[in-house]
C-alpha cells in the first residue's frame, strides 16, 4: 500500500510516463505496420519494450511492478492460458500448412513474442494499472484494445477481410487473457512463453 500511495502522490509524473508509453506505442505500431523485413523487425522490435521499461524504472516503478519477476502461475491463470490455447485451434484449422522454416520458428517468433510482452505487458499494462488504480479489469481492457489496434493496420493490409477480422478478434482475446494472467500472477514470463509458442505454431501456416 505504501508503493501505491507513492504513485498517487506523484500523479503528474505518472501521466507524463503514460504519454511517453503511448508515444512509444504509436512508434511501435508504425514499425510493425511498415514491417520493412522480418530480419529488420526482429532486430528493432525489442527497442520499444526496452525503452518503455527503462522509462518506468526511472519514474520509480520496480522490476516487480513491471512484472519482471519469476513466479509460479496460479490455477486461475493456468485455466485462462489453456482456454486461450483451445480458442486458437479453429483459427489454425482455417490456415494452410507451409511447413518448417527455421528462421521464422526459431528466430523471428521468439524475438517478436519477447518484444510484444516487454512492451504491452511489462510497460503499458503497469502504467494503466496505476492510472486506473483499483480498476484492474478496466486497465486490462484498455491495454487489450491497444494491443489489438497494434495488429489491425498490418492485418487489414496483408490479409483478406475475413482473416483480418479473425486477427482482430483473436488478438483482443489474447490481450485480455495475457493481461489478466500477468496482473493476476504478477509475472510476465508465462504469457511470454505461451506467446512465443503461439507465434512459432502460427509461422507454420498461412492464411489466403
N, C-alpha and C. Protein backbone atom coordinates (compact mmCIF):
# COMPACT_ATOMS: atom_id res chain seq x y z
N UNK A 1 0.82 -1.20 0.00
CA UNK A 1 0.00 0.00 0.00
C UNK A 1 0.87 1.26 0.00
N UNK A 2 2.06 1.21 0.61
CA UNK A 2 2.94 2.37 0.61
C UNK A 2 3.35 2.73 -0.80
N UNK A 3 3.64 1.73 -1.63
CA UNK A 3 4.03 1.98 -3.01
C UNK A 3 2.90 2.64 -3.78
N UNK A 4 1.65 2.17 -3.59
CA UNK A 4 0.51 2.75 -4.27
C UNK A 4 0.36 4.22 -3.90
N UNK A 5 0.53 4.55 -2.61
CA UNK A 5 0.43 5.94 -2.16
C UNK A 5 1.47 6.80 -2.85
N UNK A 6 2.66 6.26 -3.02
CA UNK A 6 3.73 6.99 -3.71
C UNK A 6 3.29 7.40 -5.10
N UNK A 7 2.64 6.47 -5.82
CA UNK A 7 2.22 6.78 -7.17
C UNK A 7 1.07 7.78 -7.20
N UNK A 8 0.18 7.73 -6.22
CA UNK A 8 -0.90 8.71 -6.14
C UNK A 8 -0.32 10.11 -5.90
N UNK A 9 0.70 10.21 -5.04
CA UNK A 9 1.29 11.50 -4.71
C UNK A 9 2.10 12.06 -5.88
N UNK A 10 2.52 11.22 -6.79
CA UNK A 10 3.31 11.68 -7.93
C UNK A 10 2.50 11.49 -9.21
N UNK A 11 1.21 11.88 -9.15
CA UNK A 11 0.31 11.66 -10.28
C UNK A 11 0.75 12.34 -11.55
N UNK A 12 1.31 13.57 -11.44
CA UNK A 12 1.75 14.30 -12.63
C UNK A 12 2.83 13.52 -13.36
N UNK A 13 3.78 13.00 -12.60
CA UNK A 13 4.85 12.20 -13.20
C UNK A 13 4.27 10.97 -13.88
N UNK A 14 3.27 10.37 -13.25
CA UNK A 14 2.66 9.18 -13.81
C UNK A 14 2.01 9.47 -15.15
N UNK A 15 1.35 10.61 -15.27
CA UNK A 15 0.71 10.96 -16.55
C UNK A 15 1.74 11.27 -17.63
N UNK A 16 2.88 11.84 -17.24
CA UNK A 16 3.97 12.03 -18.20
C UNK A 16 4.49 10.67 -18.69
N UNK A 17 4.58 9.72 -17.77
CA UNK A 17 5.01 8.37 -18.14
C UNK A 17 3.99 7.75 -19.10
N UNK A 18 2.70 7.93 -18.81
CA UNK A 18 1.66 7.40 -19.69
C UNK A 18 1.79 7.99 -21.10
N UNK A 19 2.00 9.29 -21.19
CA UNK A 19 2.17 9.93 -22.50
C UNK A 19 3.37 9.34 -23.24
N UNK A 20 4.47 9.14 -22.51
CA UNK A 20 5.67 8.57 -23.13
C UNK A 20 5.39 7.17 -23.66
N UNK A 21 4.65 6.37 -22.89
CA UNK A 21 4.36 5.00 -23.32
C UNK A 21 3.41 5.00 -24.51
N UNK A 22 2.44 5.89 -24.53
CA UNK A 22 1.52 5.98 -25.67
C UNK A 22 2.28 6.40 -26.93
N UNK A 23 3.21 7.33 -26.80
CA UNK A 23 4.03 7.73 -27.95
C UNK A 23 4.88 6.56 -28.44
N UNK A 24 5.40 5.79 -27.50
CA UNK A 24 6.14 4.58 -27.88
C UNK A 24 5.23 3.58 -28.59
N UNK A 25 3.98 3.47 -28.10
CA UNK A 25 3.02 2.58 -28.75
C UNK A 25 2.78 3.01 -30.20
N UNK A 26 2.66 4.32 -30.43
CA UNK A 26 2.45 4.82 -31.79
C UNK A 26 3.65 4.51 -32.67
N UNK A 27 4.86 4.69 -32.14
CA UNK A 27 6.06 4.38 -32.91
C UNK A 27 6.17 2.89 -33.18
N UNK A 28 5.86 2.08 -32.16
CA UNK A 28 5.92 0.62 -32.30
C UNK A 28 4.89 0.14 -33.32
N UNK A 29 3.69 0.72 -33.30
CA UNK A 29 2.66 0.36 -34.27
C UNK A 29 3.11 0.71 -35.69
N UNK A 30 3.75 1.86 -35.86
CA UNK A 30 4.26 2.26 -37.17
C UNK A 30 5.31 1.29 -37.67
N UNK A 31 6.25 0.93 -36.79
CA UNK A 31 7.29 -0.04 -37.16
C UNK A 31 6.68 -1.36 -37.59
N UNK A 32 5.72 -1.84 -36.79
CA UNK A 32 5.09 -3.14 -37.08
C UNK A 32 4.29 -3.08 -38.37
N UNK A 33 3.62 -1.96 -38.63
CA UNK A 33 2.79 -1.83 -39.83
C UNK A 33 3.65 -1.74 -41.09
N UNK A 34 4.72 -0.95 -41.04
CA UNK A 34 5.60 -0.82 -42.19
C UNK A 34 6.36 -2.12 -42.45
N UNK A 35 6.77 -2.79 -41.38
CA UNK A 35 7.42 -4.10 -41.43
C UNK A 35 8.42 -4.18 -42.60
N UNK A 36 9.54 -3.44 -42.51
CA UNK A 36 10.49 -3.40 -43.62
C UNK A 36 11.00 -4.77 -44.05
N UNK A 37 11.24 -5.66 -43.10
CA UNK A 37 11.61 -7.04 -43.38
C UNK A 37 11.57 -7.80 -42.07
N UNK A 38 11.49 -9.12 -42.15
CA UNK A 38 11.46 -9.92 -40.92
C UNK A 38 12.75 -9.73 -40.12
N UNK A 39 13.89 -9.66 -40.82
CA UNK A 39 15.17 -9.53 -40.13
C UNK A 39 15.28 -8.19 -39.42
N UNK A 40 14.93 -7.11 -40.13
CA UNK A 40 15.00 -5.78 -39.52
C UNK A 40 14.02 -5.68 -38.36
N UNK A 41 12.80 -6.18 -38.56
CA UNK A 41 11.80 -6.13 -37.50
C UNK A 41 12.25 -6.89 -36.26
N UNK A 42 12.86 -8.05 -36.47
CA UNK A 42 13.34 -8.84 -35.34
C UNK A 42 14.41 -8.10 -34.55
N UNK A 43 15.20 -7.27 -35.24
CA UNK A 43 16.28 -6.54 -34.58
C UNK A 43 15.80 -5.29 -33.86
N UNK A 44 14.74 -4.65 -34.35
CA UNK A 44 14.33 -3.37 -33.76
C UNK A 44 13.06 -3.47 -32.91
N UNK A 45 12.37 -4.61 -32.99
CA UNK A 45 11.11 -4.73 -32.25
C UNK A 45 11.30 -4.68 -30.74
N UNK A 46 12.47 -5.09 -30.28
CA UNK A 46 12.72 -5.08 -28.84
C UNK A 46 12.88 -3.67 -28.28
N UNK A 47 13.21 -2.72 -29.15
CA UNK A 47 13.55 -1.37 -28.68
C UNK A 47 12.41 -0.70 -27.91
N UNK A 48 11.15 -0.70 -28.43
CA UNK A 48 10.08 -0.03 -27.66
C UNK A 48 9.90 -0.60 -26.25
N UNK A 49 9.96 -1.92 -26.12
CA UNK A 49 9.80 -2.53 -24.80
C UNK A 49 10.93 -2.17 -23.86
N UNK A 50 12.16 -2.19 -24.37
CA UNK A 50 13.31 -1.83 -23.54
C UNK A 50 13.22 -0.37 -23.09
N UNK A 51 12.87 0.51 -24.04
CA UNK A 51 12.73 1.93 -23.68
C UNK A 51 11.58 2.11 -22.69
N UNK A 52 10.46 1.42 -22.94
CA UNK A 52 9.31 1.54 -22.05
C UNK A 52 9.62 1.14 -20.63
N UNK A 53 10.28 -0.01 -20.46
CA UNK A 53 10.64 -0.47 -19.12
C UNK A 53 11.63 0.49 -18.48
N UNK A 54 12.57 1.00 -19.26
CA UNK A 54 13.55 1.97 -18.74
C UNK A 54 12.85 3.22 -18.23
N UNK A 55 11.87 3.71 -18.99
CA UNK A 55 11.11 4.89 -18.57
C UNK A 55 10.41 4.62 -17.25
N UNK A 56 9.79 3.44 -17.13
CA UNK A 56 9.08 3.10 -15.89
C UNK A 56 10.04 3.01 -14.71
N UNK A 57 11.19 2.40 -14.91
CA UNK A 57 12.16 2.26 -13.83
C UNK A 57 12.69 3.62 -13.38
N UNK A 58 12.96 4.50 -14.34
CA UNK A 58 13.42 5.85 -14.00
C UNK A 58 12.33 6.61 -13.22
N UNK A 59 11.07 6.37 -13.59
CA UNK A 59 9.95 7.05 -12.93
C UNK A 59 9.68 6.52 -11.53
N UNK A 60 10.28 5.40 -11.18
CA UNK A 60 10.10 4.88 -9.82
C UNK A 60 9.44 3.52 -9.72
N UNK A 61 9.02 2.95 -10.85
CA UNK A 61 8.50 1.58 -10.83
C UNK A 61 9.64 0.63 -10.50
N UNK A 62 9.30 -0.46 -9.86
CA UNK A 62 10.29 -1.51 -9.59
C UNK A 62 10.15 -2.60 -10.66
N UNK A 63 11.17 -3.44 -10.83
CA UNK A 63 11.03 -4.57 -11.77
C UNK A 63 9.82 -5.44 -11.46
N UNK A 64 9.53 -5.61 -10.17
CA UNK A 64 8.37 -6.42 -9.78
C UNK A 64 7.07 -5.77 -10.24
N UNK A 65 7.01 -4.45 -10.21
CA UNK A 65 5.81 -3.75 -10.66
C UNK A 65 5.68 -3.75 -12.19
N UNK A 66 6.79 -4.06 -12.86
CA UNK A 66 6.75 -4.27 -14.31
C UNK A 66 6.55 -5.75 -14.64
N UNK A 67 6.27 -6.53 -13.62
CA UNK A 67 6.01 -7.97 -13.74
C UNK A 67 7.23 -8.74 -14.22
N UNK A 68 8.42 -8.20 -13.96
CA UNK A 68 9.66 -8.86 -14.37
C UNK A 68 10.21 -9.68 -13.22
N UNK A 69 9.44 -10.62 -12.76
CA UNK A 69 9.88 -11.49 -11.68
C UNK A 69 9.46 -12.91 -12.00
N UNK A 70 10.26 -13.85 -11.55
CA UNK A 70 9.92 -15.25 -11.70
C UNK A 70 8.93 -15.63 -10.62
N UNK A 71 7.83 -16.23 -11.00
CA UNK A 71 6.80 -16.63 -10.04
C UNK A 71 5.98 -17.76 -10.64
N UNK A 72 5.44 -18.63 -9.81
CA UNK A 72 4.59 -19.71 -10.33
C UNK A 72 3.28 -19.15 -10.87
N UNK A 73 2.69 -19.89 -11.78
CA UNK A 73 1.39 -19.49 -12.31
C UNK A 73 0.29 -20.02 -11.39
N UNK A 74 -0.72 -19.22 -11.18
CA UNK A 74 -1.84 -19.64 -10.34
C UNK A 74 -2.77 -20.57 -11.11
N UNK A 75 -3.63 -21.27 -10.41
CA UNK A 75 -4.60 -22.12 -11.09
C UNK A 75 -5.53 -21.32 -11.99
N UNK A 76 -6.08 -20.18 -11.51
CA UNK A 76 -6.91 -19.37 -12.42
C UNK A 76 -6.13 -18.89 -13.63
N UNK A 77 -4.88 -18.48 -13.43
CA UNK A 77 -4.06 -18.04 -14.54
C UNK A 77 -3.82 -19.15 -15.55
N UNK A 78 -3.58 -20.36 -15.05
CA UNK A 78 -3.36 -21.50 -15.93
C UNK A 78 -4.62 -21.83 -16.73
N UNK A 79 -5.77 -21.76 -16.08
CA UNK A 79 -7.04 -22.01 -16.76
C UNK A 79 -7.24 -21.01 -17.90
N UNK A 80 -6.93 -19.75 -17.65
CA UNK A 80 -7.10 -18.71 -18.67
C UNK A 80 -6.18 -18.99 -19.87
N UNK A 81 -4.93 -19.32 -19.62
CA UNK A 81 -4.00 -19.57 -20.72
C UNK A 81 -4.38 -20.83 -21.50
N UNK A 82 -4.82 -21.88 -20.81
CA UNK A 82 -5.26 -23.09 -21.50
C UNK A 82 -6.50 -22.80 -22.34
N UNK A 83 -7.42 -22.04 -21.79
CA UNK A 83 -8.64 -21.70 -22.53
C UNK A 83 -8.32 -20.92 -23.79
N UNK A 84 -7.36 -20.01 -23.70
CA UNK A 84 -6.97 -19.23 -24.88
C UNK A 84 -6.31 -20.14 -25.92
N UNK A 85 -5.53 -21.09 -25.47
CA UNK A 85 -4.91 -22.05 -26.40
C UNK A 85 -5.98 -22.82 -27.16
N UNK A 86 -7.02 -23.28 -26.47
CA UNK A 86 -8.09 -24.03 -27.12
C UNK A 86 -8.85 -23.16 -28.12
N UNK A 87 -8.96 -21.87 -27.82
CA UNK A 87 -9.67 -20.96 -28.72
C UNK A 87 -8.93 -20.76 -30.03
N UNK A 88 -7.61 -21.05 -30.04
CA UNK A 88 -6.81 -20.85 -31.25
C UNK A 88 -6.94 -22.01 -32.24
N UNK A 89 -7.41 -23.15 -31.77
CA UNK A 89 -7.48 -24.33 -32.64
C UNK A 89 -8.32 -24.09 -33.88
N UNK A 90 -9.53 -23.50 -33.78
CA UNK A 90 -10.30 -23.23 -35.01
C UNK A 90 -9.59 -22.30 -35.97
N UNK A 91 -8.81 -21.35 -35.45
CA UNK A 91 -8.06 -20.44 -36.31
C UNK A 91 -7.02 -21.21 -37.12
N UNK A 92 -6.29 -22.07 -36.45
CA UNK A 92 -5.27 -22.86 -37.14
C UNK A 92 -5.88 -23.76 -38.20
N UNK A 93 -7.08 -24.26 -37.94
CA UNK A 93 -7.73 -25.16 -38.90
C UNK A 93 -8.11 -24.45 -40.19
N UNK A 94 -8.20 -23.13 -40.17
CA UNK A 94 -8.54 -22.39 -41.39
C UNK A 94 -7.30 -22.01 -42.20
N UNK A 95 -6.10 -22.27 -41.64
CA UNK A 95 -4.87 -21.91 -42.33
C UNK A 95 -4.36 -23.01 -43.24
N UNK A 96 -3.41 -22.64 -44.08
CA UNK A 96 -2.77 -23.58 -44.99
C UNK A 96 -1.36 -23.88 -44.49
N UNK A 97 -1.07 -25.16 -44.33
CA UNK A 97 0.23 -25.58 -43.81
C UNK A 97 1.33 -25.26 -44.82
N UNK A 98 2.40 -24.60 -44.36
CA UNK A 98 3.52 -24.28 -45.25
C UNK A 98 4.80 -24.99 -44.83
N UNK A 99 4.79 -25.58 -43.65
CA UNK A 99 5.94 -26.36 -43.22
C UNK A 99 6.95 -25.57 -42.42
N UNK A 100 8.01 -26.28 -42.05
CA UNK A 100 9.03 -25.76 -41.15
C UNK A 100 10.01 -24.86 -41.89
N UNK A 101 10.31 -23.73 -41.27
CA UNK A 101 11.38 -22.85 -41.73
C UNK A 101 12.06 -22.32 -40.48
N UNK A 102 13.36 -22.58 -40.35
CA UNK A 102 14.00 -22.35 -39.06
C UNK A 102 14.05 -20.88 -38.64
N UNK A 103 14.18 -19.95 -39.57
CA UNK A 103 14.24 -18.54 -39.20
C UNK A 103 12.94 -18.06 -38.55
N UNK A 104 11.78 -18.26 -39.19
CA UNK A 104 10.54 -17.83 -38.55
C UNK A 104 10.27 -18.53 -37.22
N UNK A 105 10.57 -19.83 -37.16
CA UNK A 105 10.24 -20.60 -35.96
C UNK A 105 11.19 -20.30 -34.81
N UNK A 106 12.49 -20.27 -35.09
CA UNK A 106 13.48 -20.20 -34.02
C UNK A 106 14.03 -18.79 -33.75
N UNK A 107 13.83 -17.87 -34.68
CA UNK A 107 14.38 -16.52 -34.51
C UNK A 107 13.27 -15.47 -34.44
N UNK A 108 12.50 -15.35 -35.52
CA UNK A 108 11.52 -14.27 -35.61
C UNK A 108 10.41 -14.40 -34.58
N UNK A 109 9.89 -15.61 -34.40
CA UNK A 109 8.79 -15.80 -33.45
C UNK A 109 9.20 -15.52 -32.01
N UNK A 110 10.32 -16.10 -31.51
CA UNK A 110 10.74 -15.76 -30.15
C UNK A 110 11.04 -14.27 -29.97
N UNK A 111 11.69 -13.67 -30.97
CA UNK A 111 12.03 -12.24 -30.86
C UNK A 111 10.76 -11.40 -30.75
N UNK A 112 9.77 -11.70 -31.59
CA UNK A 112 8.53 -10.93 -31.57
C UNK A 112 7.74 -11.17 -30.29
N UNK A 113 7.69 -12.42 -29.84
CA UNK A 113 6.96 -12.73 -28.61
C UNK A 113 7.54 -12.02 -27.40
N UNK A 114 8.86 -12.03 -27.28
CA UNK A 114 9.52 -11.34 -26.17
C UNK A 114 9.28 -9.84 -26.27
N UNK A 115 9.43 -9.30 -27.49
CA UNK A 115 9.28 -7.85 -27.69
C UNK A 115 7.87 -7.38 -27.33
N UNK A 116 6.86 -8.11 -27.79
CA UNK A 116 5.48 -7.71 -27.51
C UNK A 116 5.17 -7.77 -26.02
N UNK A 117 5.65 -8.81 -25.35
CA UNK A 117 5.37 -8.93 -23.92
C UNK A 117 6.07 -7.84 -23.11
N UNK A 118 7.32 -7.52 -23.48
CA UNK A 118 8.04 -6.49 -22.76
C UNK A 118 7.36 -5.14 -22.90
N UNK A 119 6.78 -4.87 -24.07
CA UNK A 119 6.11 -3.58 -24.23
C UNK A 119 4.70 -3.61 -23.65
N UNK A 120 3.86 -4.53 -24.12
CA UNK A 120 2.44 -4.48 -23.76
C UNK A 120 2.17 -4.92 -22.33
N UNK A 121 2.83 -5.96 -21.86
CA UNK A 121 2.53 -6.44 -20.52
C UNK A 121 3.48 -5.90 -19.45
N UNK A 122 4.72 -5.53 -19.82
CA UNK A 122 5.66 -5.04 -18.80
C UNK A 122 5.86 -3.53 -18.85
N UNK A 123 5.36 -2.85 -19.88
CA UNK A 123 5.47 -1.39 -19.94
C UNK A 123 4.10 -0.73 -19.91
N UNK A 124 3.25 -1.07 -20.89
CA UNK A 124 1.94 -0.43 -20.99
C UNK A 124 1.01 -0.81 -19.85
N UNK A 125 0.89 -2.10 -19.57
CA UNK A 125 -0.06 -2.56 -18.55
C UNK A 125 0.23 -2.00 -17.16
N UNK A 126 1.49 -2.01 -16.68
CA UNK A 126 1.73 -1.44 -15.34
C UNK A 126 1.31 0.01 -15.21
N UNK A 127 1.53 0.80 -16.27
CA UNK A 127 1.12 2.21 -16.21
C UNK A 127 -0.40 2.32 -16.12
N UNK A 128 -1.10 1.54 -16.93
CA UNK A 128 -2.57 1.59 -16.91
C UNK A 128 -3.12 1.09 -15.57
N UNK A 129 -2.48 0.09 -14.99
CA UNK A 129 -2.90 -0.38 -13.67
C UNK A 129 -2.82 0.75 -12.66
N UNK A 130 -1.76 1.56 -12.73
CA UNK A 130 -1.61 2.69 -11.82
C UNK A 130 -2.63 3.79 -12.13
N UNK A 131 -2.86 4.04 -13.41
CA UNK A 131 -3.80 5.10 -13.80
C UNK A 131 -5.21 4.78 -13.32
N UNK A 132 -5.63 3.52 -13.49
CA UNK A 132 -6.99 3.12 -13.12
C UNK A 132 -7.09 2.65 -11.68
N UNK A 133 -5.95 2.65 -10.96
CA UNK A 133 -5.91 2.34 -9.53
C UNK A 133 -6.50 0.95 -9.24
N UNK A 134 -7.66 0.89 -8.60
CA UNK A 134 -8.21 -0.41 -8.21
C UNK A 134 -8.98 -1.10 -9.33
N UNK A 135 -9.18 -0.43 -10.46
CA UNK A 135 -9.96 -0.99 -11.57
C UNK A 135 -9.05 -1.77 -12.52
N UNK A 136 -8.54 -2.89 -12.03
CA UNK A 136 -7.58 -3.66 -12.82
C UNK A 136 -8.17 -4.19 -14.12
N UNK A 137 -9.44 -4.61 -14.08
CA UNK A 137 -10.05 -5.15 -15.30
C UNK A 137 -10.19 -4.07 -16.37
N UNK A 138 -10.47 -2.85 -15.95
CA UNK A 138 -10.54 -1.74 -16.90
C UNK A 138 -9.17 -1.50 -17.54
N UNK A 139 -8.12 -1.56 -16.73
CA UNK A 139 -6.76 -1.39 -17.24
C UNK A 139 -6.42 -2.49 -18.24
N UNK A 140 -6.78 -3.71 -17.91
CA UNK A 140 -6.53 -4.84 -18.82
C UNK A 140 -7.30 -4.66 -20.12
N UNK A 141 -8.54 -4.18 -20.02
CA UNK A 141 -9.37 -3.97 -21.21
C UNK A 141 -8.76 -2.91 -22.13
N UNK A 142 -8.36 -1.78 -21.57
CA UNK A 142 -7.77 -0.70 -22.38
C UNK A 142 -6.47 -1.18 -23.02
N UNK A 143 -5.66 -1.90 -22.25
CA UNK A 143 -4.41 -2.45 -22.78
C UNK A 143 -4.68 -3.44 -23.91
N UNK A 144 -5.75 -4.24 -23.77
CA UNK A 144 -6.11 -5.20 -24.82
C UNK A 144 -6.56 -4.49 -26.09
N UNK A 145 -7.26 -3.37 -25.95
CA UNK A 145 -7.67 -2.57 -27.11
C UNK A 145 -6.44 -2.05 -27.86
N UNK A 146 -5.47 -1.51 -27.12
CA UNK A 146 -4.25 -1.00 -27.75
C UNK A 146 -3.43 -2.13 -28.35
N UNK A 147 -3.42 -3.28 -27.72
CA UNK A 147 -2.74 -4.47 -28.27
C UNK A 147 -3.40 -4.88 -29.58
N UNK A 148 -4.72 -4.84 -29.63
CA UNK A 148 -5.45 -5.18 -30.85
C UNK A 148 -5.19 -4.17 -31.96
N UNK A 149 -5.25 -2.88 -31.61
CA UNK A 149 -5.03 -1.84 -32.61
C UNK A 149 -3.61 -1.88 -33.16
N UNK A 150 -2.67 -2.37 -32.39
CA UNK A 150 -1.30 -2.55 -32.87
C UNK A 150 -1.26 -3.54 -34.03
N UNK A 151 -2.12 -4.56 -34.00
CA UNK A 151 -2.15 -5.58 -35.05
C UNK A 151 -2.98 -5.19 -36.26
N UNK A 152 -3.99 -4.33 -36.04
CA UNK A 152 -5.01 -4.10 -37.08
C UNK A 152 -4.48 -3.55 -38.39
N UNK A 153 -3.63 -2.50 -38.41
CA UNK A 153 -3.22 -1.95 -39.71
C UNK A 153 -2.54 -2.98 -40.62
N UNK A 154 -1.61 -3.74 -40.07
CA UNK A 154 -0.92 -4.74 -40.88
C UNK A 154 -1.87 -5.86 -41.30
N UNK A 155 -2.77 -6.25 -40.40
CA UNK A 155 -3.71 -7.33 -40.72
C UNK A 155 -4.60 -6.96 -41.90
N UNK A 156 -5.10 -5.74 -41.91
CA UNK A 156 -6.03 -5.34 -42.97
C UNK A 156 -5.32 -4.98 -44.28
N UNK A 157 -4.00 -4.80 -44.24
CA UNK A 157 -3.26 -4.55 -45.48
C UNK A 157 -2.66 -5.82 -46.06
N UNK A 158 -2.45 -6.84 -45.23
CA UNK A 158 -1.80 -8.06 -45.69
C UNK A 158 -2.73 -9.25 -45.84
N UNK A 159 -3.82 -9.28 -45.08
CA UNK A 159 -4.69 -10.45 -45.06
C UNK A 159 -6.04 -10.11 -45.70
N UNK A 160 -6.75 -11.14 -46.21
CA UNK A 160 -8.12 -10.90 -46.68
C UNK A 160 -9.01 -10.47 -45.52
N UNK A 161 -10.14 -9.85 -45.83
CA UNK A 161 -11.01 -9.29 -44.81
C UNK A 161 -11.39 -10.30 -43.73
N UNK A 162 -11.83 -11.53 -44.09
CA UNK A 162 -12.17 -12.49 -43.03
C UNK A 162 -10.99 -12.79 -42.12
N UNK A 163 -9.79 -12.91 -42.72
CA UNK A 163 -8.61 -13.18 -41.93
C UNK A 163 -8.26 -12.01 -41.02
N UNK A 164 -8.40 -10.79 -41.53
CA UNK A 164 -8.10 -9.60 -40.73
C UNK A 164 -9.06 -9.49 -39.55
N UNK A 165 -10.33 -9.81 -39.80
CA UNK A 165 -11.32 -9.77 -38.71
C UNK A 165 -10.98 -10.82 -37.66
N UNK A 166 -10.56 -12.00 -38.12
CA UNK A 166 -10.18 -13.06 -37.19
C UNK A 166 -8.98 -12.63 -36.35
N UNK A 167 -8.00 -11.99 -36.99
CA UNK A 167 -6.83 -11.49 -36.26
C UNK A 167 -7.26 -10.49 -35.19
N UNK A 168 -8.17 -9.60 -35.55
CA UNK A 168 -8.66 -8.59 -34.61
C UNK A 168 -9.30 -9.24 -33.39
N UNK A 169 -10.15 -10.23 -33.63
CA UNK A 169 -10.85 -10.90 -32.53
C UNK A 169 -9.87 -11.66 -31.65
N UNK A 170 -8.98 -12.43 -32.30
CA UNK A 170 -8.05 -13.26 -31.55
C UNK A 170 -7.07 -12.42 -30.73
N UNK A 171 -6.58 -11.33 -31.31
CA UNK A 171 -5.63 -10.51 -30.57
C UNK A 171 -6.30 -9.81 -29.38
N UNK A 172 -7.57 -9.45 -29.52
CA UNK A 172 -8.26 -8.86 -28.38
C UNK A 172 -8.42 -9.90 -27.27
N UNK A 173 -8.84 -11.10 -27.64
CA UNK A 173 -8.96 -12.16 -26.64
C UNK A 173 -7.62 -12.45 -25.99
N UNK A 174 -6.57 -12.52 -26.83
CA UNK A 174 -5.23 -12.76 -26.31
C UNK A 174 -4.78 -11.65 -25.38
N UNK A 175 -5.07 -10.39 -25.75
CA UNK A 175 -4.71 -9.28 -24.89
C UNK A 175 -5.39 -9.36 -23.54
N UNK A 176 -6.68 -9.72 -23.55
CA UNK A 176 -7.40 -9.87 -22.29
C UNK A 176 -6.84 -11.03 -21.47
N UNK A 177 -6.60 -12.16 -22.13
CA UNK A 177 -6.11 -13.35 -21.41
C UNK A 177 -4.72 -13.11 -20.83
N UNK A 178 -3.80 -12.65 -21.65
CA UNK A 178 -2.44 -12.43 -21.18
C UNK A 178 -2.37 -11.30 -20.17
N UNK A 179 -3.11 -10.22 -20.43
CA UNK A 179 -3.10 -9.11 -19.49
C UNK A 179 -3.65 -9.51 -18.13
N UNK A 180 -4.76 -10.24 -18.13
CA UNK A 180 -5.37 -10.65 -16.87
C UNK A 180 -4.44 -11.59 -16.11
N UNK A 181 -3.87 -12.57 -16.81
CA UNK A 181 -2.98 -13.53 -16.14
C UNK A 181 -1.74 -12.85 -15.58
N UNK A 182 -1.16 -11.93 -16.35
CA UNK A 182 0.06 -11.25 -15.90
C UNK A 182 -0.20 -10.42 -14.65
N UNK A 183 -1.27 -9.62 -14.65
CA UNK A 183 -1.53 -8.80 -13.46
C UNK A 183 -2.03 -9.65 -12.30
N UNK A 184 -2.65 -10.79 -12.60
CA UNK A 184 -3.11 -11.69 -11.53
C UNK A 184 -1.93 -12.36 -10.83
N UNK A 185 -0.98 -12.86 -11.61
CA UNK A 185 0.15 -13.60 -11.05
C UNK A 185 1.40 -12.75 -10.89
N UNK A 186 1.34 -11.51 -11.39
CA UNK A 186 2.44 -10.55 -11.25
C UNK A 186 3.74 -11.06 -11.84
N UNK A 187 3.63 -11.73 -12.97
CA UNK A 187 4.81 -12.18 -13.71
C UNK A 187 4.46 -12.26 -15.18
N UNK A 188 5.37 -11.81 -16.02
CA UNK A 188 5.12 -11.78 -17.46
C UNK A 188 5.57 -13.05 -18.16
N UNK A 189 6.33 -13.89 -17.50
CA UNK A 189 7.05 -14.94 -18.20
C UNK A 189 6.17 -16.07 -18.71
N UNK A 190 5.07 -16.38 -18.03
CA UNK A 190 4.18 -17.43 -18.53
C UNK A 190 3.48 -16.98 -19.80
N UNK A 191 3.01 -15.75 -19.82
CA UNK A 191 2.40 -15.21 -21.03
C UNK A 191 3.42 -15.14 -22.17
N UNK A 192 4.65 -14.79 -21.82
CA UNK A 192 5.71 -14.70 -22.83
C UNK A 192 5.98 -16.06 -23.46
N UNK A 193 6.03 -17.09 -22.63
CA UNK A 193 6.26 -18.45 -23.14
C UNK A 193 5.14 -18.87 -24.07
N UNK A 194 3.89 -18.62 -23.65
CA UNK A 194 2.76 -19.01 -24.50
C UNK A 194 2.73 -18.19 -25.79
N UNK A 195 3.03 -16.91 -25.68
CA UNK A 195 3.03 -16.04 -26.86
C UNK A 195 4.06 -16.51 -27.88
N UNK A 196 5.26 -16.84 -27.41
CA UNK A 196 6.30 -17.35 -28.30
C UNK A 196 5.85 -18.64 -28.96
N UNK A 197 5.31 -19.57 -28.16
CA UNK A 197 4.85 -20.84 -28.71
C UNK A 197 3.75 -20.64 -29.75
N UNK A 198 2.84 -19.71 -29.46
CA UNK A 198 1.75 -19.41 -30.39
C UNK A 198 2.30 -18.89 -31.71
N UNK A 199 3.26 -17.96 -31.67
CA UNK A 199 3.84 -17.41 -32.89
C UNK A 199 4.64 -18.46 -33.66
N UNK A 200 5.30 -19.34 -32.94
CA UNK A 200 6.05 -20.42 -33.60
C UNK A 200 5.11 -21.33 -34.39
N UNK A 201 3.98 -21.68 -33.78
CA UNK A 201 2.99 -22.52 -34.47
C UNK A 201 2.38 -21.76 -35.65
N UNK A 202 2.04 -20.49 -35.44
CA UNK A 202 1.43 -19.69 -36.49
C UNK A 202 2.36 -19.55 -37.70
N UNK A 203 3.66 -19.56 -37.46
CA UNK A 203 4.61 -19.41 -38.57
C UNK A 203 4.60 -20.60 -39.52
N UNK A 204 3.96 -21.69 -39.11
CA UNK A 204 3.89 -22.89 -39.94
C UNK A 204 2.70 -22.85 -40.89
N UNK A 205 1.87 -21.80 -40.79
CA UNK A 205 0.66 -21.69 -41.60
C UNK A 205 0.62 -20.34 -42.31
N UNK A 206 -0.18 -20.28 -43.37
CA UNK A 206 -0.51 -19.01 -44.00
C UNK A 206 -2.01 -18.94 -44.17
N UNK A 207 -2.53 -17.72 -44.25
CA UNK A 207 -3.96 -17.52 -44.48
C UNK A 207 -4.14 -16.69 -45.74
N UNK A 208 -4.84 -17.24 -46.70
CA UNK A 208 -5.01 -16.58 -48.01
C UNK A 208 -6.46 -16.18 -48.22
